[in-house]
PDB file of N, CA and C in Angstrom:
ATOM      1  N   MET A   1     112.520  50.358 355.327  1.00  0.00           N
ATOM      2  CA  MET A   1     111.367  50.773 354.571  1.00  0.00           C
ATOM      3  C   MET A   1     110.415  49.585 354.391  1.00  0.00           C
ATOM      4  N   ARG A   2     110.976  48.424 354.208  1.00  0.00           N
ATOM      5  CA  ARG A   2     110.110  47.242 354.055  1.00  0.00           C
ATOM      6  C   ARG A   2     109.309  46.967 355.322  1.00  0.00           C
ATOM      7  N   LEU A   3     109.931  47.192 356.475  1.00  0.00           N
ATOM      8  CA  LEU A   3     109.227  46.994 357.741  1.00  0.00           C
ATOM      9  C   LEU A   3     108.026  47.941 357.822  1.00  0.00           C
ATOM     10  N   LEU A   4     108.228  49.182 357.446  1.00  0.00           N
ATOM     11  CA  LEU A   4     107.129  50.152 357.431  1.00  0.00           C
ATOM     12  C   LEU A   4     106.020  49.682 356.496  1.00  0.00           C
ATOM     13  N   GLU A   5     106.407  49.242 355.314  1.00  0.00           N
ATOM     14  CA  GLU A   5     105.410  48.764 354.350  1.00  0.00           C
ATOM     15  C   GLU A   5     104.635  47.571 354.895  1.00  0.00           C
ATOM     16  N   GLU A   6     105.338  46.651 355.546  1.00  0.00           N
ATOM     17  CA  GLU A   6     104.677  45.470 356.108  1.00  0.00           C
ATOM     18  C   GLU A   6     103.680  45.860 357.194  1.00  0.00           C
ATOM     19  N   ARG A   7     104.073  46.807 358.030  1.00  0.00           N
ATOM     20  CA  ARG A   7     103.208  47.197 359.152  1.00  0.00           C
ATOM     21  C   ARG A   7     101.949  47.930 358.706  1.00  0.00           C
ATOM     22  N   ILE A   8     102.048  48.730 357.678  1.00  0.00           N
ATOM     23  CA  ILE A   8     100.866  49.502 357.278  1.00  0.00           C
ATOM     24  C   ILE A   8     100.078  48.841 356.148  1.00  0.00           C
ATOM     25  N   SER A   9     100.602  47.782 355.557  1.00  0.00           N
ATOM     26  CA  SER A   9      99.886  47.141 354.446  1.00  0.00           C
ATOM     27  C   SER A   9      98.619  46.425 354.908  1.00  0.00           C
ATOM     28  N   GLY A  10      98.552  46.048 356.181  1.00  0.00           N
ATOM     29  CA  GLY A  10      97.383  45.341 356.684  1.00  0.00           C
ATOM     30  C   GLY A  10      96.234  46.241 357.091  1.00  0.00           C
ATOM     31  N   THR A  11      96.411  47.522 357.014  1.00  0.00           N
ATOM     32  CA  THR A  11      95.367  48.451 357.446  1.00  0.00           C
ATOM     33  C   THR A  11      94.436  48.814 356.292  1.00  0.00           C
ATOM     34  N   ASP A  12      93.244  49.237 356.631  1.00  0.00           N
ATOM     35  CA  ASP A  12      92.264  49.627 355.615  1.00  0.00           C
ATOM     36  C   ASP A  12      92.166  51.144 355.438  1.00  0.00           C
ATOM     37  N   LEU A  13      92.997  51.873 356.137  1.00  0.00           N
ATOM     38  CA  LEU A  13      92.938  53.336 356.032  1.00  0.00           C
ATOM     39  C   LEU A  13      93.390  53.790 354.640  1.00  0.00           C
ATOM     40  N   PRO A  14      92.584  54.597 353.970  1.00  0.00           N
ATOM     41  CA  PRO A  14      92.947  55.051 352.622  1.00  0.00           C
ATOM     42  C   PRO A  14      94.233  55.886 352.604  1.00  0.00           C
ATOM     43  N   GLU A  15      94.501  56.603 353.702  1.00  0.00           N
ATOM     44  CA  GLU A  15      95.726  57.408 353.764  1.00  0.00           C
ATOM     45  C   GLU A  15      96.963  56.519 353.716  1.00  0.00           C
ATOM     46  N   PHE A  16      96.911  55.375 354.408  1.00  0.00           N
ATOM     47  CA  PHE A  16      98.045  54.456 354.394  1.00  0.00           C
ATOM     48  C   PHE A  16      98.187  53.773 353.038  1.00  0.00           C
ATOM     49  N   LYS A  17      97.072  53.488 352.397  1.00  0.00           N
ATOM     50  CA  LYS A  17      97.129  52.899 351.055  1.00  0.00           C
ATOM     51  C   LYS A  17      97.769  53.893 350.079  1.00  0.00           C
ATOM     52  N   ALA A  18      97.422  55.163 350.223  1.00  0.00           N
ATOM     53  CA  ALA A  18      98.028  56.198 349.382  1.00  0.00           C
ATOM     54  C   ALA A  18      99.523  56.311 349.672  1.00  0.00           C
ATOM     55  N   LEU A  19      99.895  56.208 350.949  1.00  0.00           N
ATOM     56  CA  LEU A  19     101.307  56.255 351.325  1.00  0.00           C
ATOM     57  C   LEU A  19     102.066  55.092 350.705  1.00  0.00           C
ATOM     58  N   LEU A  20     101.513  53.897 350.765  1.00  0.00           N
ATOM     59  CA  LEU A  20     102.160  52.727 350.168  1.00  0.00           C
ATOM     60  C   LEU A  20     102.341  52.909 348.661  1.00  0.00           C
ATOM     61  N   SER A  21     101.341  53.459 348.024  1.00  0.00           N
ATOM     62  CA  SER A  21     101.429  53.705 346.585  1.00  0.00           C
ATOM     63  C   SER A  21     102.539  54.707 346.272  1.00  0.00           C
ATOM     64  N   THR A  22     102.620  55.757 347.069  1.00  0.00           N
ATOM     65  CA  THR A  22     103.661  56.767 346.874  1.00  0.00           C
ATOM     66  C   THR A  22     105.042  56.170 347.089  1.00  0.00           C
ATOM     67  N   ILE A  23     105.196  55.379 348.139  1.00  0.00           N
ATOM     68  CA  ILE A  23     106.487  54.739 348.417  1.00  0.00           C
ATOM     69  C   ILE A  23     106.874  53.814 347.271  1.00  0.00           C
ATOM     70  N   ALA A  24     105.919  53.037 346.772  1.00  0.00           N
ATOM     71  CA  ALA A  24     106.210  52.119 345.668  1.00  0.00           C
ATOM     72  C   ALA A  24     106.634  52.887 344.418  1.00  0.00           C
ATOM     73  N   HIS A  25     105.964  53.997 344.159  1.00  0.00           N
ATOM     74  CA  HIS A  25     106.263  54.785 342.965  1.00  0.00           C
ATOM     75  C   HIS A  25     107.620  55.477 343.054  1.00  0.00           C
ATOM     76  N   TRP A  26     107.983  55.974 344.233  1.00  0.00           N
ATOM     77  CA  TRP A  26     109.198  56.772 344.416  1.00  0.00           C
ATOM     78  C   TRP A  26     110.302  56.024 345.162  1.00  0.00           C
ATOM     79  N   ARG A  27     110.206  54.710 345.291  1.00  0.00           N
ATOM     80  CA  ARG A  27     111.160  53.919 346.081  1.00  0.00           C
ATOM     81  C   ARG A  27     112.617  54.218 345.708  1.00  0.00           C
ATOM     82  N   GLU A  28     112.942  54.150 344.438  1.00  0.00           N
ATOM     83  CA  GLU A  28     114.328  54.350 344.019  1.00  0.00           C
ATOM     84  C   GLU A  28     114.827  55.743 344.402  1.00  0.00           C
ATOM     85  N   GLU A  29     113.997  56.753 344.171  1.00  0.00           N
ATOM     86  CA  GLU A  29     114.399  58.126 344.489  1.00  0.00           C
ATOM     87  C   GLU A  29     114.557  58.325 345.994  1.00  0.00           C
ATOM     88  N   ILE A  30     113.658  57.741 346.764  1.00  0.00           N
ATOM     89  CA  ILE A  30     113.740  57.857 348.226  1.00  0.00           C
ATOM     90  C   ILE A  30     115.025  57.222 348.729  1.00  0.00           C
ATOM     91  N   LEU A  31     115.321  56.023 348.256  1.00  0.00           N
ATOM     92  CA  LEU A  31     116.527  55.326 348.707  1.00  0.00           C
ATOM     93  C   LEU A  31     117.798  55.999 348.197  1.00  0.00           C
ATOM     94  N   ASN A  32     117.749  56.609 347.021  1.00  0.00           N
ATOM     95  CA  ASN A  32     118.918  57.323 346.497  1.00  0.00           C
ATOM     96  C   ASN A  32     119.339  58.466 347.407  1.00  0.00           C
ATOM     97  N   TYR A  33     118.377  59.063 348.095  1.00  0.00           N
ATOM     98  CA  TYR A  33     118.716  60.171 348.989  1.00  0.00           C
ATOM     99  C   TYR A  33     119.730  59.736 350.043  1.00  0.00           C
ATOM    100  N   PHE A  34     119.635  58.499 350.516  1.00  0.00           N
ATOM    101  CA  PHE A  34     120.539  58.035 351.561  1.00  0.00           C
ATOM    102  C   PHE A  34     121.945  57.792 351.026  1.00  0.00           C
ATOM    103  N   ASP A  35     122.078  57.533 349.728  1.00  0.00           N
ATOM    104  CA  ASP A  35     123.400  57.408 349.110  1.00  0.00           C
ATOM    105  C   ASP A  35     123.957  58.776 348.720  1.00  0.00           C
ATOM    106  N   TYR A  36     123.081  59.655 348.260  1.00  0.00           N
ATOM    107  CA  TYR A  36     123.473  60.990 347.803  1.00  0.00           C
ATOM    108  C   TYR A  36     122.534  62.009 348.444  1.00  0.00           C
ATOM    109  N   PRO A  37     122.851  62.477 349.656  1.00  0.00           N
ATOM    110  CA  PRO A  37     121.933  63.371 350.381  1.00  0.00           C
ATOM    111  C   PRO A  37     121.914  64.795 349.814  1.00  0.00           C
ATOM    112  N   ILE A  38     121.389  64.902 348.610  1.00  0.00           N
ATOM    113  CA  ILE A  38     121.297  66.191 347.933  1.00  0.00           C
ATOM    114  C   ILE A  38     119.818  66.504 347.725  1.00  0.00           C
ATOM    115  N   THR A  39     119.431  67.741 348.031  1.00  0.00           N
ATOM    116  CA  THR A  39     118.040  68.147 347.819  1.00  0.00           C
ATOM    117  C   THR A  39     118.012  69.402 346.958  1.00  0.00           C
ATOM    118  N   ASN A  40     116.839  69.798 346.555  1.00  0.00           N
ATOM    119  CA  ASN A  40     116.679  71.036 345.799  1.00  0.00           C
ATOM    120  C   ASN A  40     116.206  72.165 346.716  1.00  0.00           C
ATOM    121  N   GLY A  41     116.459  72.035 348.007  1.00  0.00           N
ATOM    122  CA  GLY A  41     116.031  73.038 348.978  1.00  0.00           C
ATOM    123  C   GLY A  41     116.581  74.425 348.696  1.00  0.00           C
ATOM    124  N   PHE A  42     117.836  74.509 348.281  1.00  0.00           N
ATOM    125  CA  PHE A  42     118.451  75.799 347.980  1.00  0.00           C
ATOM    126  C   PHE A  42     117.695  76.488 346.843  1.00  0.00           C
ATOM    127  N   THR A  43     117.426  75.743 345.783  1.00  0.00           N
ATOM    128  CA  THR A  43     116.714  76.292 344.634  1.00  0.00           C
ATOM    129  C   THR A  43     115.292  76.688 345.005  1.00  0.00           C
ATOM    130  N   GLU A  44     114.626  75.853 345.792  1.00  0.00           N
ATOM    131  CA  GLU A  44     113.260  76.164 346.228  1.00  0.00           C
ATOM    132  C   GLU A  44     113.244  77.439 347.069  1.00  0.00           C
ATOM    133  N   GLY A  45     114.267  77.628 347.904  1.00  0.00           N
ATOM    134  CA  GLY A  45     114.361  78.836 348.718  1.00  0.00           C
ATOM    135  C   GLY A  45     114.524  80.085 347.867  1.00  0.00           C
ATOM    136  N   LYS A  46     115.386  79.992 346.851  1.00  0.00           N
ATOM    137  CA  LYS A  46     115.581  81.136 345.946  1.00  0.00           C
ATOM    138  C   LYS A  46     114.288  81.449 345.193  1.00  0.00           C
ATOM    139  N   ASN A  47     113.619  80.409 344.722  1.00  0.00           N
ATOM    140  CA  ASN A  47     112.360  80.593 344.001  1.00  0.00           C
ATOM    141  C   ASN A  47     111.311  81.239 344.908  1.00  0.00           C
ATOM    142  N   ASN A  48     111.251  80.812 346.159  1.00  0.00           N
ATOM    143  CA  ASN A  48     110.310  81.394 347.114  1.00  0.00           C
ATOM    144  C   ASN A  48     110.617  82.873 347.343  1.00  0.00           C
ATOM    145  N   ARG A  49     111.895  83.210 347.444  1.00  0.00           N
ATOM    146  CA  ARG A  49     112.284  84.610 347.641  1.00  0.00           C
ATOM    147  C   ARG A  49     111.838  85.464 346.456  1.00  0.00           C
ATOM    148  N   ILE A  50     112.029  84.958 345.240  1.00  0.00           N
ATOM    149  CA  ILE A  50     111.623  85.695 344.041  1.00  0.00           C
ATOM    150  C   ILE A  50     110.110  85.898 344.023  1.00  0.00           C
ATOM    151  N   LYS A  51     109.365  84.864 344.362  1.00  0.00           N
ATOM    152  CA  LYS A  51     107.903  84.978 344.393  1.00  0.00           C
ATOM    153  C   LYS A  51     107.444  85.980 345.444  1.00  0.00           C
ATOM    154  N   THR A  52     108.139  86.017 346.584  1.00  0.00           N
ATOM    155  CA  THR A  52     107.801  86.972 347.641  1.00  0.00           C
ATOM    156  C   THR A  52     108.051  88.400 347.168  1.00  0.00           C
ATOM    157  N   ILE A  53     109.190  88.627 346.516  1.00  0.00           N
ATOM    158  CA  ILE A  53     109.497  89.959 345.985  1.00  0.00           C
ATOM    159  C   ILE A  53     108.430  90.371 344.975  1.00  0.00           C
ATOM    160  N   LYS A  54     108.044  89.439 344.137  1.00  0.00           N
ATOM    161  CA  LYS A  54     107.032  89.732 343.115  1.00  0.00           C
ATOM    162  C   LYS A  54     105.697  90.110 343.751  1.00  0.00           C
ATOM    163  N   ARG A  55     105.313  89.394 344.812  1.00  0.00           N
ATOM    164  CA  ARG A  55     104.056  89.707 345.510  1.00  0.00           C
ATOM    165  C   ARG A  55     104.129  91.068 346.189  1.00  0.00           C
ATOM    166  N   MET A  56     105.259  91.354 346.830  1.00  0.00           N
ATOM    167  CA  MET A  56     105.404  92.615 347.556  1.00  0.00           C
ATOM    168  C   MET A  56     105.375  93.815 346.609  1.00  0.00           C
ATOM    169  N   ALA A  57     105.849  93.628 345.398  1.00  0.00           N
ATOM    170  CA  ALA A  57     105.947  94.740 344.451  1.00  0.00           C
ATOM    171  C   ALA A  57     104.673  94.933 343.643  1.00  0.00           C
ATOM    172  N   TYR A  58     103.745  93.997 343.723  1.00  0.00           N
ATOM    173  CA  TYR A  58     102.528  94.046 342.910  1.00  0.00           C
ATOM    174  C   TYR A  58     102.866  94.192 341.434  1.00  0.00           C
ATOM    175  N   GLY A  59     103.960  93.575 341.036  1.00  0.00           N
ATOM    176  CA  GLY A  59     104.362  93.589 339.625  1.00  0.00           C
ATOM    177  C   GLY A  59     105.217  94.791 339.287  1.00  0.00           C
ATOM    178  N   TYR A  60     106.447  94.550 338.955  1.00  0.00           N
ATOM    179  CA  TYR A  60     107.322  95.635 338.517  1.00  0.00           C
ATOM    180  C   TYR A  60     106.987  95.982 337.074  1.00  0.00           C
ATOM    181  N   ARG A  61     106.954  97.264 336.775  1.00  0.00           N
ATOM    182  CA  ARG A  61     106.708  97.683 335.389  1.00  0.00           C
ATOM    183  C   ARG A  61     107.969  97.532 334.557  1.00  0.00           C
ATOM    184  N   ASN A  62     109.101  97.554 335.220  1.00  0.00           N
ATOM    185  CA  ASN A  62     110.378  97.488 334.526  1.00  0.00           C
ATOM    186  C   ASN A  62     111.088  96.198 334.937  1.00  0.00           C
ATOM    187  N   MET A  63     111.364  95.324 333.996  1.00  0.00           N
ATOM    188  CA  MET A  63     111.993  94.038 334.291  1.00  0.00           C
ATOM    189  C   MET A  63     113.386  94.219 334.889  1.00  0.00           C
ATOM    190  N   ASP A  64     114.103  95.263 334.480  1.00  0.00           N
ATOM    191  CA  ASP A  64     115.439  95.510 335.035  1.00  0.00           C
ATOM    192  C   ASP A  64     115.364  95.799 336.532  1.00  0.00           C
ATOM    193  N   ASN A  65     114.368  96.577 336.959  1.00  0.00           N
ATOM    194  CA  ASN A  65     114.210  96.873 338.385  1.00  0.00           C
ATOM    195  C   ASN A  65     113.880  95.610 339.169  1.00  0.00           C
ATOM    196  N   PHE A  66     113.040  94.773 338.597  1.00  0.00           N
ATOM    197  CA  PHE A  66     112.685  93.504 339.238  1.00  0.00           C
ATOM    198  C   PHE A  66     113.930  92.630 339.390  1.00  0.00           C
ATOM    199  N   ARG A  67     114.715  92.545 338.331  1.00  0.00           N
ATOM    200  CA  ARG A  67     115.948  91.744 338.366  1.00  0.00           C
ATOM    201  C   ARG A  67     116.924  92.291 339.410  1.00  0.00           C
ATOM    202  N   MET A  68     117.082  93.606 339.453  1.00  0.00           N
ATOM    203  CA  MET A  68     118.000  94.214 340.421  1.00  0.00           C
ATOM    204  C   MET A  68     117.538  93.953 341.852  1.00  0.00           C
ATOM    205  N   ARG A  69     116.245  93.991 342.085  1.00  0.00           N
ATOM    206  CA  ARG A  69     115.716  93.716 343.426  1.00  0.00           C
ATOM    207  C   ARG A  69     116.033  92.285 343.834  1.00  0.00           C
ATOM    208  N   ILE A  70     115.876  91.346 342.907  1.00  0.00           N
ATOM    209  CA  ILE A  70     116.194  89.947 343.193  1.00  0.00           C
ATOM    210  C   ILE A  70     117.676  89.806 343.515  1.00  0.00           C
ATOM    211  N   LEU A  71     118.531  90.404 342.698  1.00  0.00           N
ATOM    212  CA  LEU A  71     119.977  90.308 342.925  1.00  0.00           C
ATOM    213  C   LEU A  71     120.374  90.974 344.239  1.00  0.00           C
ATOM    214  N   ALA A  72     119.742  92.086 344.571  1.00  0.00           N
ATOM    215  CA  ALA A  72     120.095  92.825 345.783  1.00  0.00           C
ATOM    216  C   ALA A  72     119.721  92.072 347.054  1.00  0.00           C
ATOM    217  N   THR A  73     118.766  91.170 346.989  1.00  0.00           N
ATOM    218  CA  THR A  73     118.343  90.449 348.194  1.00  0.00           C
ATOM    219  C   THR A  73     119.138  89.171 348.435  1.00  0.00           C
ATOM    220  N   ASN A  74     120.089  88.863 347.557  1.00  0.00           N
ATOM    221  CA  ASN A  74     120.917  87.676 347.751  1.00  0.00           C
ATOM    222  C   ASN A  74     122.141  88.040 348.572  1.00  0.00           C
ATOM    223  N   PRO A  75     122.277  87.456 349.768  1.00  0.00           N
ATOM    224  CA  PRO A  75     123.428  87.765 350.612  1.00  0.00           C
ATOM    225  C   PRO A  75     124.736  87.401 349.913  1.00  0.00           C
ATOM    226  N   GLY A  76     125.706  88.289 350.034  1.00  0.00           N
ATOM    227  CA  GLY A  76     127.015  88.030 349.463  1.00  0.00           C
ATOM    228  C   GLY A  76     127.117  88.373 347.988  1.00  0.00           C
ATOM    229  N   TYR A  77     126.039  88.835 347.401  1.00  0.00           N
ATOM    230  CA  TYR A  77     126.059  89.199 345.986  1.00  0.00           C
ATOM    231  C   TYR A  77     126.169  90.704 345.886  1.00  0.00           C
ATOM    232  N   GLU A  78     127.190  91.178 345.205  1.00  0.00           N
ATOM    233  CA  GLU A  78     127.400  92.612 345.061  1.00  0.00           C
ATOM    234  C   GLU A  78     126.738  93.086 343.772  1.00  0.00           C
ATOM    235  N   VAL A  79     125.774  93.962 343.904  1.00  0.00           N
ATOM    236  CA  VAL A  79     125.074  94.494 342.734  1.00  0.00           C
ATOM    237  C   VAL A  79     125.942  95.567 342.106  1.00  0.00           C
ATOM    238  N   LYS A  80     126.176  95.427 340.814  1.00  0.00           N
ATOM    239  CA  LYS A  80     127.003  96.384 340.086  1.00  0.00           C
ATOM    240  C   LYS A  80     126.154  97.081 339.034  1.00  0.00           C
ATOM    241  N   VAL A  81     126.560  98.268 338.673  1.00  0.00           N
ATOM    242  CA  VAL A  81     125.833  99.031 337.663  1.00  0.00           C
ATOM    243  C   VAL A  81     125.806  98.266 336.346  1.00  0.00           C
ATOM    244  N   SER A  82     126.863  97.514 336.047  1.00  0.00           N
ATOM    245  CA  SER A  82     126.915  96.772 334.781  1.00  0.00           C
ATOM    246  C   SER A  82     125.811  95.730 334.690  1.00  0.00           C
ATOM    247  N   HIS A  83     125.267  95.293 335.835  1.00  0.00           N
ATOM    248  CA  HIS A  83     124.184  94.314 335.808  1.00  0.00           C
ATOM    249  C   HIS A  83     122.906  94.911 335.230  1.00  0.00           C
ATOM    250  N   LEU A  84     122.797  96.225 335.289  1.00  0.00           N
ATOM    251  CA  LEU A  84     121.615  96.865 334.714  1.00  0.00           C
ATOM    252  C   LEU A  84     121.580  96.722 333.198  1.00  0.00           C
ATOM    253  N   LEU A  85     122.746  96.560 332.602  1.00  0.00           N
ATOM    254  CA  LEU A  85     122.835  96.509 331.149  1.00  0.00           C
ATOM    255  C   LEU A  85     122.598  95.117 330.587  1.00  0.00           C
ATOM    256  N   MET A  86     122.471  94.122 331.428  1.00  0.00           N
ATOM    257  CA  MET A  86     122.303  92.737 330.953  1.00  0.00           C
ATOM    258  C   MET A  86     120.904  92.476 330.502  1.00  0.00           C
TER     259      MET A  86
END
């Protein structure tokens, strides 16, 4: 990472200056990924699926139906009648 910083620090391009600033601000978090390769991709995917369902439905009038639709679209999740009562 230091080599990258050294190579782009001599340029006058504002995009590279912004990149250097971002790297400096997030250095610890960026380097932590290499020790602990964990991301929030799974959560972001679930959130995206929920937003897509919401857009496709143009807003559910009943929150229970919206919840059931979300649960039904998760692979491996068995929707039960008891979930309607939650």
